[in-house]
N, C-alpha and C. Protein backbone atom coordinates (compact mmCIF):
# COMPACT_ATOMS: atom_id res chain seq x y z
N MET A 1 85.75 134.83 102.50
CA MET A 1 84.92 134.66 104.40
C MET A 1 86.26 134.87 104.94
N MET A 2 86.58 134.60 106.29
CA MET A 2 87.12 135.00 106.98
C MET A 2 88.49 133.61 107.07
N ARG A 3 89.26 133.24 107.58
CA ARG A 3 89.60 132.05 107.38
C ARG A 3 89.39 130.92 108.72
N ALA A 4 88.93 131.94 109.47
CA ALA A 4 88.23 131.17 111.07
C ALA A 4 87.12 130.42 110.71
N MET A 5 86.19 130.54 109.16
CA MET A 5 85.32 129.58 108.65
C MET A 5 85.52 128.36 108.72
N ALA A 6 87.09 128.07 108.36
CA ALA A 6 87.17 126.70 107.61
C ALA A 6 87.25 125.88 108.78
N ALA A 7 86.81 124.76 108.16
CA ALA A 7 86.77 123.20 109.44
C ALA A 7 87.07 122.06 108.57
N SER A 8 87.63 121.37 109.22
CA SER A 8 87.62 120.28 108.75
C SER A 8 86.74 119.51 108.23
N SER A 9 87.00 118.19 107.01
CA SER A 9 85.74 117.97 106.39
C SER A 9 85.01 116.77 107.58
N GLY A 10 85.94 116.23 109.31
CA GLY A 10 85.68 115.62 110.16
C GLY A 10 84.59 115.98 111.60
N VAL A 11 85.18 117.47 111.36
CA VAL A 11 83.60 118.09 111.92
C VAL A 11 82.53 118.34 111.20
N GLY A 12 82.61 118.35 109.83
CA GLY A 12 81.57 118.68 109.46
C GLY A 12 80.60 117.12 109.33
N ILE A 13 81.46 116.13 109.12
CA ILE A 13 80.78 114.78 109.06
C ILE A 13 80.48 114.48 110.45
N ALA A 14 80.68 114.82 111.10
CA ALA A 14 80.29 114.51 112.73
C ALA A 14 78.83 115.51 113.05
N ALA A 15 79.01 116.83 112.62
CA ALA A 15 77.83 117.43 112.75
C ALA A 15 76.85 117.09 111.66
N TRP A 16 76.95 116.26 110.91
CA TRP A 16 76.06 115.57 109.89
C TRP A 16 75.35 114.55 111.32
N LEU A 17 76.43 113.42 111.20
CA LEU A 17 75.79 112.75 112.28
C LEU A 17 74.89 113.41 113.30
N LEU A 18 75.48 113.97 114.04
CA LEU A 18 74.66 114.62 115.00
C LEU A 18 73.23 114.86 115.12
N ALA A 19 73.16 116.09 114.19
CA ALA A 19 71.98 116.31 113.16
C ALA A 19 71.04 115.35 113.00
N THR A 20 71.55 114.10 112.10
CA THR A 20 70.59 113.23 111.73
C THR A 20 70.58 112.01 112.64
N THR A 21 70.95 111.72 113.92
CA THR A 21 70.51 111.27 115.22
C THR A 21 69.70 111.94 115.77
N ALA A 22 69.79 113.46 116.12
CA ALA A 22 68.59 113.87 116.78
C ALA A 22 66.98 114.12 115.65
N SER A 23 67.45 114.04 114.37
CA SER A 23 66.05 114.16 114.17
C SER A 23 65.70 113.03 114.11
N LEU A 24 66.35 111.81 113.98
CA LEU A 24 65.40 110.29 113.89
C LEU A 24 64.85 110.08 115.22
N ALA A 25 65.71 110.80 116.39
CA ALA A 25 65.09 110.41 117.59
C ALA A 25 63.92 111.00 117.84
N GLY A 26 64.04 112.05 117.49
CA GLY A 26 62.69 112.63 117.75
C GLY A 26 61.40 113.00 116.77
N ILE A 27 61.84 112.26 115.63
CA ILE A 27 60.62 112.94 114.65
C ILE A 27 60.55 111.60 113.63
N ALA A 28 59.51 111.28 113.25
CA ALA A 28 59.26 109.76 112.58
C ALA A 28 59.56 110.03 110.83
N PRO A 29 59.72 109.14 110.54
CA PRO A 29 60.84 109.28 109.25
C PRO A 29 59.52 109.45 108.34
N ALA A 30 59.82 110.13 107.22
CA ALA A 30 58.77 111.07 106.25
C ALA A 30 58.30 110.20 105.48
N ALA A 31 58.76 108.84 104.93
CA ALA A 31 57.75 107.36 104.49
C ALA A 31 56.91 107.34 105.63
N ALA A 32 56.80 107.62 106.62
CA ALA A 32 55.33 107.13 107.45
C ALA A 32 54.08 107.77 106.77
N ASP A 33 54.30 109.19 106.85
CA ASP A 33 53.13 109.84 106.42
C ASP A 33 52.79 110.18 104.72
N PRO A 34 52.01 109.23 104.24
CA PRO A 34 51.90 109.37 102.96
C PRO A 34 51.19 110.43 102.06
N ASN A 35 51.46 112.09 103.36
CA ASN A 35 51.23 112.78 102.87
C ASN A 35 52.55 113.85 102.32
N VAL A 36 54.17 113.14 102.82
CA VAL A 36 54.91 113.69 103.27
C VAL A 36 55.41 113.19 102.08
N VAL A 37 56.68 113.54 101.59
CA VAL A 37 57.45 112.64 100.65
C VAL A 37 59.34 113.31 101.11
N LEU A 38 59.09 114.91 100.99
CA LEU A 38 60.81 115.03 102.02
C LEU A 38 60.64 114.41 103.10
N PRO A 39 61.91 114.46 103.78
CA PRO A 39 61.95 114.38 105.27
C PRO A 39 61.56 115.63 105.78
N PRO A 40 61.54 115.87 107.35
CA PRO A 40 61.70 117.42 108.15
C PRO A 40 62.77 118.00 107.83
N ILE A 41 63.11 119.18 108.29
CA ILE A 41 64.40 120.01 108.37
C ILE A 41 64.51 120.02 109.91
N ALA A 42 65.35 119.62 110.53
CA ALA A 42 66.07 119.31 112.16
C ALA A 42 65.83 121.46 112.23
N SER A 43 65.65 121.69 113.26
CA SER A 43 65.60 123.26 113.72
C SER A 43 66.87 123.10 115.01
N THR A 44 68.08 123.21 114.89
CA THR A 44 69.06 123.13 116.01
C THR A 44 69.53 124.56 116.21
N GLY A 45 69.21 124.96 115.32
CA GLY A 45 69.99 126.63 115.45
C GLY A 45 71.63 126.70 115.66
N GLY A 46 72.15 125.55 114.99
CA GLY A 46 73.64 126.10 115.12
C GLY A 46 74.16 126.82 113.80
N GLY A 47 73.49 127.71 113.43
CA GLY A 47 74.02 128.17 112.69
C GLY A 47 74.23 128.01 110.83
N PRO A 48 74.81 129.12 109.76
CA PRO A 48 74.50 128.81 108.71
C PRO A 48 75.96 127.90 108.13
N ILE A 49 76.98 127.37 108.65
CA ILE A 49 78.13 127.14 108.31
C ILE A 49 78.07 125.80 108.57
N VAL A 50 78.26 124.85 107.48
CA VAL A 50 78.31 123.49 108.17
C VAL A 50 79.87 123.00 108.62
N GLY A 51 79.51 122.51 110.24
CA GLY A 51 80.78 122.51 110.99
C GLY A 51 81.18 123.73 111.96
N GLY A 52 80.33 124.63 111.72
CA GLY A 52 80.47 125.74 112.34
C GLY A 52 81.33 127.09 112.15
N GLY A 53 81.74 127.52 112.73
CA GLY A 53 82.44 129.30 112.05
C GLY A 53 82.35 129.56 113.10
N ASP A 54 82.83 130.66 113.52
CA ASP A 54 83.14 131.72 114.47
C ASP A 54 82.07 133.19 113.80
N ASP A 55 81.52 133.94 114.60
CA ASP A 55 80.37 134.56 114.63
C ASP A 55 80.50 135.69 113.21
N SER A 56 81.62 136.44 113.16
CA SER A 56 81.83 136.92 111.90
C SER A 56 81.99 135.81 110.88
N ALA A 57 82.22 134.75 110.49
CA ALA A 57 82.27 134.14 109.27
C ALA A 57 80.63 133.64 109.50
N GLN A 58 79.86 133.42 110.01
CA GLN A 58 78.62 133.01 110.52
C GLN A 58 77.67 134.63 109.61
N GLN A 59 77.95 135.16 109.94
CA GLN A 59 77.02 136.26 109.99
C GLN A 59 77.17 136.55 108.30
N ARG A 60 78.67 136.63 108.04
CA ARG A 60 78.58 136.79 106.43
C ARG A 60 78.25 135.61 105.22
N ILE A 61 78.37 134.36 105.72
CA ILE A 61 77.95 133.41 104.99
C ILE A 61 76.05 133.51 105.00
N SER A 62 75.77 133.96 105.75
CA SER A 62 73.78 134.37 106.28
C SER A 62 73.73 135.18 105.63
N GLN A 63 74.66 136.00 104.99
CA GLN A 63 74.01 136.95 104.27
C GLN A 63 74.09 136.47 102.60
N GLN A 64 74.67 135.33 102.31
CA GLN A 64 74.60 135.08 101.22
C GLN A 64 73.43 134.10 100.78
N LEU A 65 72.71 133.58 101.98
CA LEU A 65 71.63 132.66 101.88
C LEU A 65 70.30 133.43 101.80
N MET A 66 69.49 132.96 100.88
CA MET A 66 68.25 133.51 100.10
C MET A 66 67.33 133.35 101.00
N HIS A 67 66.17 133.92 101.37
CA HIS A 67 65.03 133.08 101.76
C HIS A 67 64.03 133.32 101.85
N PHE A 68 63.16 132.34 101.77
CA PHE A 68 62.01 131.61 100.97
C PHE A 68 61.04 132.28 101.49
N PRO A 69 59.78 133.50 101.57
CA PRO A 69 58.89 133.10 102.49
C PRO A 69 57.95 132.09 102.80
N ASP A 70 57.68 131.56 103.43
CA ASP A 70 56.29 130.85 104.01
C ASP A 70 56.91 129.39 103.54
N VAL A 71 58.28 129.12 103.55
CA VAL A 71 58.64 128.04 103.56
C VAL A 71 59.68 127.69 104.77
N GLN A 72 59.46 126.27 104.65
CA GLN A 72 60.59 125.97 105.94
C GLN A 72 61.74 125.54 105.66
N GLN A 73 62.82 126.07 106.86
CA GLN A 73 64.17 126.21 106.39
C GLN A 73 65.21 126.43 107.19
N GLY A 74 66.15 125.60 106.92
CA GLY A 74 67.43 124.69 107.95
C GLY A 74 68.61 125.17 107.51
N ASP A 75 69.65 125.64 108.35
CA ASP A 75 70.93 126.15 107.51
C ASP A 75 72.15 125.25 107.90
N GLY A 76 73.30 124.80 107.59
CA GLY A 76 74.52 124.49 108.67
C GLY A 76 73.99 122.82 108.06
N ALA A 77 74.62 122.26 109.63
CA ALA A 77 74.57 120.82 109.81
C ALA A 77 72.74 120.21 109.73
N ASP A 78 72.18 121.67 109.96
CA ASP A 78 70.61 121.24 109.75
C ASP A 78 70.76 120.70 108.16
N ALA A 79 71.14 121.63 107.19
CA ALA A 79 70.47 121.51 106.05
C ALA A 79 71.34 120.11 105.23
N ALA A 80 72.80 120.11 105.99
CA ALA A 80 73.49 119.31 105.46
C ALA A 80 73.13 117.87 105.64
N SER A 81 72.19 117.43 106.92
CA SER A 81 71.47 116.58 107.06
C SER A 81 70.41 116.25 105.92
N PHE A 82 69.49 117.06 106.13
CA PHE A 82 68.22 117.06 105.16
C PHE A 82 68.77 116.57 103.36
N ILE A 83 69.94 117.30 103.17
CA ILE A 83 70.37 116.78 102.26
C ILE A 83 70.82 115.60 101.64
N MET A 84 70.94 115.15 102.72
CA MET A 84 72.11 113.59 102.67
C MET A 84 70.81 112.61 102.99
N ASP A 85 69.46 113.10 103.88
CA ASP A 85 68.77 112.00 103.41
C ASP A 85 67.09 112.35 102.79
N SER A 86 67.37 113.79 102.38
CA SER A 86 66.60 113.45 100.64
C SER A 86 67.55 113.12 99.61
N ALA A 87 68.34 112.84 99.31
CA ALA A 87 69.64 112.18 98.93
C ALA A 87 69.53 110.64 98.40
N SER A 88 68.76 110.21 100.11
CA SER A 88 68.44 108.61 100.17
C SER A 88 67.07 108.11 100.05
N LEU A 89 65.93 109.09 99.94
CA LEU A 89 64.92 108.59 99.45
C LEU A 89 64.86 107.49 98.33
N SER A 90 63.44 106.86 98.40
CA SER A 90 63.28 105.63 97.46
C SER A 90 62.36 106.17 96.50
N ASN A 91 62.28 107.24 96.15
CA ASN A 91 61.31 108.16 95.01
C ASN A 91 62.74 108.62 94.01
N PRO A 92 62.92 108.50 92.93
CA PRO A 92 64.20 108.99 92.34
C PRO A 92 63.41 110.71 92.08
N ARG A 93 62.50 110.91 91.73
CA ARG A 93 61.56 111.97 91.44
C ARG A 93 62.45 113.36 92.50
N PHE A 94 62.79 112.83 94.14
CA PHE A 94 63.66 114.00 94.87
C PHE A 94 64.95 113.02 95.14
N SER A 95 65.17 112.36 94.89
CA SER A 95 66.80 111.65 95.47
C SER A 95 67.63 112.40 94.22
N SER A 96 67.32 112.28 93.06
CA SER A 96 68.07 112.78 91.83
C SER A 96 67.94 114.50 92.56
N THR A 97 67.21 115.18 92.85
CA THR A 97 67.52 115.75 92.97
C THR A 97 68.56 116.48 94.10
N PHE A 98 68.36 115.86 95.09
CA PHE A 98 69.64 116.20 96.23
C PHE A 98 70.83 115.22 96.37
N GLU A 99 70.70 114.06 95.00
CA GLU A 99 72.21 114.12 95.27
C GLU A 99 73.16 114.41 94.82
N PRO A 100 73.37 115.19 93.41
CA PRO A 100 74.86 116.48 93.28
C PRO A 100 75.05 117.48 94.27
N LEU A 101 73.97 117.61 95.57
CA LEU A 101 74.30 118.33 96.49
C LEU A 101 75.32 117.31 97.80
N ARG A 102 74.80 115.92 97.71
CA ARG A 102 75.03 115.23 98.25
C ARG A 102 76.70 114.91 98.06
N ARG A 103 76.39 114.43 96.97
CA ARG A 103 78.19 114.39 96.48
C ARG A 103 79.37 116.08 96.38
N ALA A 104 78.48 116.81 96.53
CA ALA A 104 79.33 117.79 96.39
C ALA A 104 79.95 118.45 97.99
N LEU A 105 78.63 117.60 99.07
CA LEU A 105 79.32 117.96 100.22
C LEU A 105 80.48 116.90 100.78
N GLY A 106 80.41 115.64 99.78
CA GLY A 106 81.75 114.96 100.32
C GLY A 106 83.15 115.27 99.63
N CYS A 107 83.37 116.85 99.38
CA CYS A 107 84.49 117.39 98.13
C CYS A 107 84.71 118.11 99.39
N GLN A 108 84.17 117.87 100.62
CA GLN A 108 84.70 119.05 101.81
C GLN A 108 86.02 118.34 102.30
N LYS A 109 86.92 119.24 102.16
CA LYS A 109 88.40 118.58 102.39
C LYS A 109 88.67 119.66 103.80
N ASP A 110 89.40 120.87 103.22
CA ASP A 110 89.98 121.52 104.46
C ASP A 110 89.54 122.80 104.05
N THR A 111 88.26 123.04 103.89
CA THR A 111 87.46 124.08 103.90
C THR A 111 85.75 123.71 104.34
N SER A 112 85.05 124.43 104.42
CA SER A 112 83.40 124.47 104.97
C SER A 112 82.92 125.22 104.14
N PHE A 113 81.43 124.52 104.20
CA PHE A 113 80.28 125.06 103.20
C PHE A 113 79.48 126.02 104.21
N GLY A 114 79.05 127.17 103.86
CA GLY A 114 77.64 127.63 103.96
C GLY A 114 76.51 126.86 102.92
N ALA A 115 75.40 126.42 104.06
CA ALA A 115 74.43 125.47 103.39
C ALA A 115 72.89 126.03 104.05
N ARG A 116 71.83 126.14 103.28
CA ARG A 116 70.85 126.07 103.68
C ARG A 116 69.53 125.33 103.16
N ALA A 117 68.57 124.44 103.40
CA ALA A 117 68.07 123.75 102.86
C ALA A 117 66.15 124.36 102.97
N TYR A 118 65.51 124.20 102.09
CA TYR A 118 64.10 125.00 101.92
C TYR A 118 63.18 123.57 101.87
N ARG A 119 61.99 123.47 102.67
CA ARG A 119 61.16 122.63 102.30
C ARG A 119 60.04 123.12 102.49
N ARG A 120 58.55 122.52 101.50
CA ARG A 120 57.27 123.56 101.49
C ARG A 120 56.34 122.67 102.57
N ALA A 121 55.99 122.93 103.67
CA ALA A 121 54.78 122.00 104.37
C ALA A 121 54.62 120.78 104.33
N ASP A 122 53.84 121.04 102.65
CA ASP A 122 53.39 119.71 102.40
C ASP A 122 54.56 118.54 102.05
N GLY A 123 55.70 119.06 101.95
CA GLY A 123 57.17 117.88 101.69
C GLY A 123 56.87 117.58 99.72
N LEU A 124 56.38 118.54 99.02
CA LEU A 124 56.20 118.02 97.86
C LEU A 124 57.12 119.11 96.82
N TRP A 125 57.93 119.87 98.14
CA TRP A 125 58.75 121.07 97.13
C TRP A 125 59.99 121.55 97.70
N GLY A 126 61.18 121.52 97.28
CA GLY A 126 61.88 121.74 97.86
C GLY A 126 63.56 122.17 97.39
N GLY A 127 64.59 122.02 97.75
CA GLY A 127 65.85 122.39 97.79
C GLY A 127 66.98 123.18 98.99
N ALA A 128 67.95 123.02 98.17
CA ALA A 128 69.07 123.45 98.79
C ALA A 128 70.51 124.39 98.38
N VAL A 129 71.28 124.62 98.96
CA VAL A 129 72.28 125.93 98.85
C VAL A 129 73.05 125.56 98.96
N LEU A 130 74.64 125.40 98.77
CA LEU A 130 75.87 125.14 99.35
C LEU A 130 76.61 126.66 98.73
N VAL A 131 76.95 127.30 99.77
CA VAL A 131 77.82 128.35 99.58
C VAL A 131 79.45 128.29 100.04
N ILE A 132 80.49 128.66 99.07
CA ILE A 132 81.79 127.93 99.23
C ILE A 132 82.65 129.76 99.31
N ALA A 133 83.35 130.13 100.21
CA ALA A 133 84.12 131.01 100.12
C ALA A 133 85.53 130.74 99.85
N GLN A 134 85.75 132.09 99.05
CA GLN A 134 87.04 131.57 98.19
C GLN A 134 88.52 131.62 99.40
N SER A 135 88.12 132.60 100.32
CA SER A 135 89.00 132.95 101.19
C SER A 135 89.43 131.53 102.20
N ALA A 136 88.31 130.75 102.05
CA ALA A 136 88.26 129.77 103.56
C ALA A 136 88.82 128.80 102.68
N THR A 137 89.08 128.38 101.65
CA THR A 137 89.84 127.21 100.43
C THR A 137 90.87 127.28 100.11
N PRO A 138 91.92 126.66 100.80
CA PRO A 138 93.36 126.12 100.49
C PRO A 138 93.22 126.09 98.91
N ASP A 139 92.50 125.24 98.34
CA ASP A 139 92.84 125.05 96.83
C ASP A 139 91.51 124.85 96.49
N MET A 140 91.09 125.84 95.75
CA MET A 140 89.90 126.18 95.18
C MET A 140 89.88 124.91 93.58
N GLU A 141 91.30 125.23 93.12
CA GLU A 141 91.29 124.22 91.75
C GLU A 141 90.63 122.91 92.22
N ALA A 142 90.76 122.27 93.32
CA ALA A 142 91.07 121.03 93.49
C ALA A 142 89.49 120.55 94.28
N LEU A 143 89.47 121.44 94.44
CA LEU A 143 87.83 121.68 94.98
C LEU A 143 86.68 121.56 93.79
N THR A 144 87.00 122.32 92.67
CA THR A 144 86.39 122.36 91.43
C THR A 144 86.17 121.42 90.73
N ALA A 145 87.94 120.84 90.97
CA ALA A 145 88.00 119.17 89.88
C ALA A 145 87.04 118.43 90.70
N CYS A 146 86.62 118.31 92.10
CA CYS A 146 86.48 117.46 92.74
C CYS A 146 84.48 117.75 92.65
N ILE A 147 84.10 118.63 92.30
CA ILE A 147 82.54 118.93 92.13
C ILE A 147 81.96 118.80 90.66
N LYS A 148 82.84 119.04 90.19
CA LYS A 148 82.71 118.37 88.41
C LYS A 148 82.73 117.29 88.47
N PRO A 149 81.58 116.58 87.56
CA PRO A 149 80.32 117.62 86.50
C PRO A 149 79.60 118.16 87.37
N TRP A 150 79.21 119.19 87.51
CA TRP A 150 77.73 119.60 87.87
C TRP A 150 76.75 120.05 87.10
N PRO A 151 75.45 119.34 87.38
CA PRO A 151 74.67 119.21 86.51
C PRO A 151 74.34 119.92 85.25
N GLY A 152 73.85 121.35 86.10
CA GLY A 152 73.74 122.46 85.15
C GLY A 152 72.52 122.45 84.20
N SER A 153 71.35 121.52 84.54
CA SER A 153 70.15 121.71 83.55
C SER A 153 69.04 121.26 84.50
N MET A 154 68.23 121.47 83.79
CA MET A 154 66.60 120.83 84.05
C MET A 154 66.29 119.80 83.93
N VAL A 155 65.61 118.85 84.69
CA VAL A 155 64.97 117.60 83.72
C VAL A 155 63.80 117.57 84.76
N GLY A 156 62.83 117.25 83.54
CA GLY A 156 61.62 116.78 84.33
C GLY A 156 61.00 117.92 85.65
N GLY A 157 61.30 119.07 85.43
CA GLY A 157 60.88 119.94 86.32
C GLY A 157 62.02 120.26 87.31
N ARG A 158 62.83 119.44 87.80
CA ARG A 158 63.58 119.84 88.51
C ARG A 158 65.15 120.38 88.36
N CYS A 159 65.72 121.05 89.11
CA CYS A 159 66.87 121.82 88.35
C CYS A 159 68.39 122.13 89.32
N THR A 160 69.34 122.28 88.55
CA THR A 160 70.52 122.51 89.28
C THR A 160 70.94 123.86 88.61
N SER A 161 71.88 124.27 89.31
CA SER A 161 72.46 125.82 88.92
C SER A 161 74.00 125.50 89.54
N GLY A 162 74.73 126.66 89.05
CA GLY A 162 75.71 127.05 89.93
C GLY A 162 76.63 128.13 89.38
N TRP A 163 77.03 129.61 90.33
CA TRP A 163 77.52 130.44 90.04
C TRP A 163 78.61 130.72 90.79
N THR A 164 79.23 131.56 90.41
CA THR A 164 80.88 132.07 91.28
C THR A 164 80.33 133.89 91.21
N TYR A 165 80.64 134.60 92.13
CA TYR A 165 80.32 135.93 92.01
C TYR A 165 81.85 136.73 93.21
N PRO A 166 82.00 137.54 92.40
CA PRO A 166 83.42 138.65 92.81
C PRO A 166 82.41 139.73 94.20
N THR A 167 83.31 140.63 94.36
CA THR A 167 82.93 141.34 95.08
C THR A 167 81.64 142.19 94.59
N SER A 168 80.80 142.65 95.42
CA SER A 168 79.62 143.74 94.69
C SER A 168 78.49 143.56 95.65
N GLY A 169 78.52 145.21 96.06
CA GLY A 169 77.83 145.51 97.41
C GLY A 169 78.08 145.22 98.48
N GLU A 170 77.32 145.82 99.52
CA GLU A 170 78.25 145.61 100.64
C GLU A 170 77.78 144.77 101.55
N ASN A 171 76.85 143.43 101.10
CA ASN A 171 76.29 142.00 101.74
C ASN A 171 77.97 140.88 101.34
N HIS A 172 78.75 141.32 99.94
CA HIS A 172 79.30 140.52 99.45
C HIS A 172 80.86 140.90 99.28
N ARG A 173 81.61 142.24 99.91
CA ARG A 173 82.41 142.40 99.97
C ARG A 173 83.48 142.09 100.92
N PRO A 174 84.98 141.60 100.99
CA PRO A 174 85.49 141.59 100.66
C PRO A 174 86.25 140.36 99.45
N GLU A 175 84.72 139.64 99.01
CA GLU A 175 84.84 138.21 98.88
C GLU A 175 84.22 137.69 97.53
N THR A 176 84.87 136.59 97.09
CA THR A 176 84.46 135.81 96.13
C THR A 176 83.84 134.40 96.47
N TYR A 177 82.69 134.51 96.21
CA TYR A 177 81.70 133.25 96.83
C TYR A 177 81.37 132.49 95.76
N TYR A 178 81.00 130.73 95.78
CA TYR A 178 80.81 130.22 94.98
C TYR A 178 79.72 129.50 95.38
N VAL A 179 78.86 129.01 94.48
CA VAL A 179 77.34 128.88 95.32
C VAL A 179 76.63 127.42 94.09
N LEU A 180 76.18 126.65 94.70
CA LEU A 180 75.90 125.35 94.03
C LEU A 180 73.83 125.26 94.71
N LEU A 181 73.63 124.88 93.79
CA LEU A 181 71.57 125.06 93.95
C LEU A 181 70.97 123.87 93.40
N ALA A 182 69.99 123.14 94.08
CA ALA A 182 69.42 121.86 93.28
C ALA A 182 68.28 121.96 93.72
N GLY A 183 67.03 121.90 93.33
CA GLY A 183 65.79 122.19 93.89
C GLY A 183 64.37 121.07 92.53
N THR A 184 63.50 120.54 93.66
CA THR A 184 62.60 119.86 93.31
C THR A 184 61.76 120.46 91.83
N SER A 185 61.61 121.70 91.62
CA SER A 185 61.45 122.61 90.51
C SER A 185 62.22 123.43 90.10
N GLY A 186 61.96 123.89 88.57
CA GLY A 186 62.27 124.92 88.07
C GLY A 186 62.60 126.58 88.95
N ASP A 187 61.44 126.82 89.61
CA ASP A 187 60.57 128.04 90.30
C ASP A 187 62.20 127.73 91.12
N PHE A 188 62.93 127.16 92.31
CA PHE A 188 63.43 126.91 93.07
C PHE A 188 65.21 127.83 92.68
N CYS A 189 65.23 127.04 91.29
CA CYS A 189 66.23 127.88 90.72
C CYS A 189 66.41 129.10 90.25
N ALA A 190 64.95 129.06 89.85
CA ALA A 190 65.00 130.53 89.07
C ALA A 190 64.89 131.61 90.06
N SER A 191 64.38 131.53 91.07
CA SER A 191 64.40 132.66 92.07
C SER A 191 65.78 132.87 92.60
N PHE A 192 66.87 132.39 92.47
CA PHE A 192 68.53 132.51 92.56
C PHE A 192 68.63 133.36 91.28
N ASP A 193 68.59 132.38 90.31
CA ASP A 193 69.30 132.53 89.14
C ASP A 193 69.10 134.00 88.47
N ARG A 194 67.62 134.34 88.94
CA ARG A 194 67.51 135.87 88.22
C ARG A 194 68.36 137.19 89.16
N ASN A 195 68.64 137.04 90.57
CA ASN A 195 69.81 137.77 91.17
C ASN A 195 71.18 137.35 90.83
N TYR A 196 71.86 136.17 90.17
CA TYR A 196 73.30 135.89 89.96
C TYR A 196 73.40 136.96 88.36
N THR A 197 72.23 136.47 87.65
CA THR A 197 72.57 136.24 86.17
C THR A 197 73.10 138.16 85.89
N ASN A 198 73.07 139.01 86.39
CA ASN A 198 73.65 140.68 86.20
C ASN A 198 74.83 140.68 86.46
N TYR A 199 75.55 140.02 87.50
CA TYR A 199 76.79 139.87 88.32
C TYR A 199 76.71 138.17 88.33
N ALA A 200 77.25 137.55 88.05
CA ALA A 200 77.72 136.55 88.20
C ALA A 200 78.34 135.26 87.39
N THR A 201 78.66 134.58 87.13
CA THR A 201 79.14 133.72 86.24
C THR A 201 79.11 132.16 86.57
N PRO A 202 78.62 131.29 85.74
CA PRO A 202 78.21 129.98 85.90
C PRO A 202 80.18 129.31 86.30
N TRP A 203 79.54 128.31 87.22
CA TRP A 203 80.35 127.66 88.00
C TRP A 203 79.90 126.23 88.50
N PRO A 204 80.20 125.11 88.47
CA PRO A 204 81.92 125.06 87.73
C PRO A 204 82.39 124.76 86.47
């Protein structure tokens, strides 16, 4: 990714707080509806990079984020807010799914993460993806050490996964990306993993 996508963690945290405040101001907590477990995803249209970035960086990151049909999606600060809110739920079936992603977001120092969150309309299925560009990460070794240990397993239907992939295809050049996944169902990770298996390696 372009160096221009790098943003300080302070900017990213401020974006999360703004997104969370807007969400709480306009939408009742998910717990108020017994039919919805995962919180709603805000839709502020801020782009896929947590903390923002220029148009070129936003476009390159957006190309790395998979689309699920018929599933609500949110990018960047909206996705980060959803991750933080979901990791705070009292139901461990859901909170434990998003806790590794919340911990990974805390590893942002001198870099920025691309992010996309997914939520089915009934609130009983969801997940999120974080994408890190090597060129926008001053110290990849330190970031990897911070993110470790990554669960990399499935428990009770939930899933986590991590990948890195090199230059490959028009959408991927000339960059190396690092991807973290977590979802409430094995089907969530499987859709991504099938795409990565042939040209990516596990990470971290």
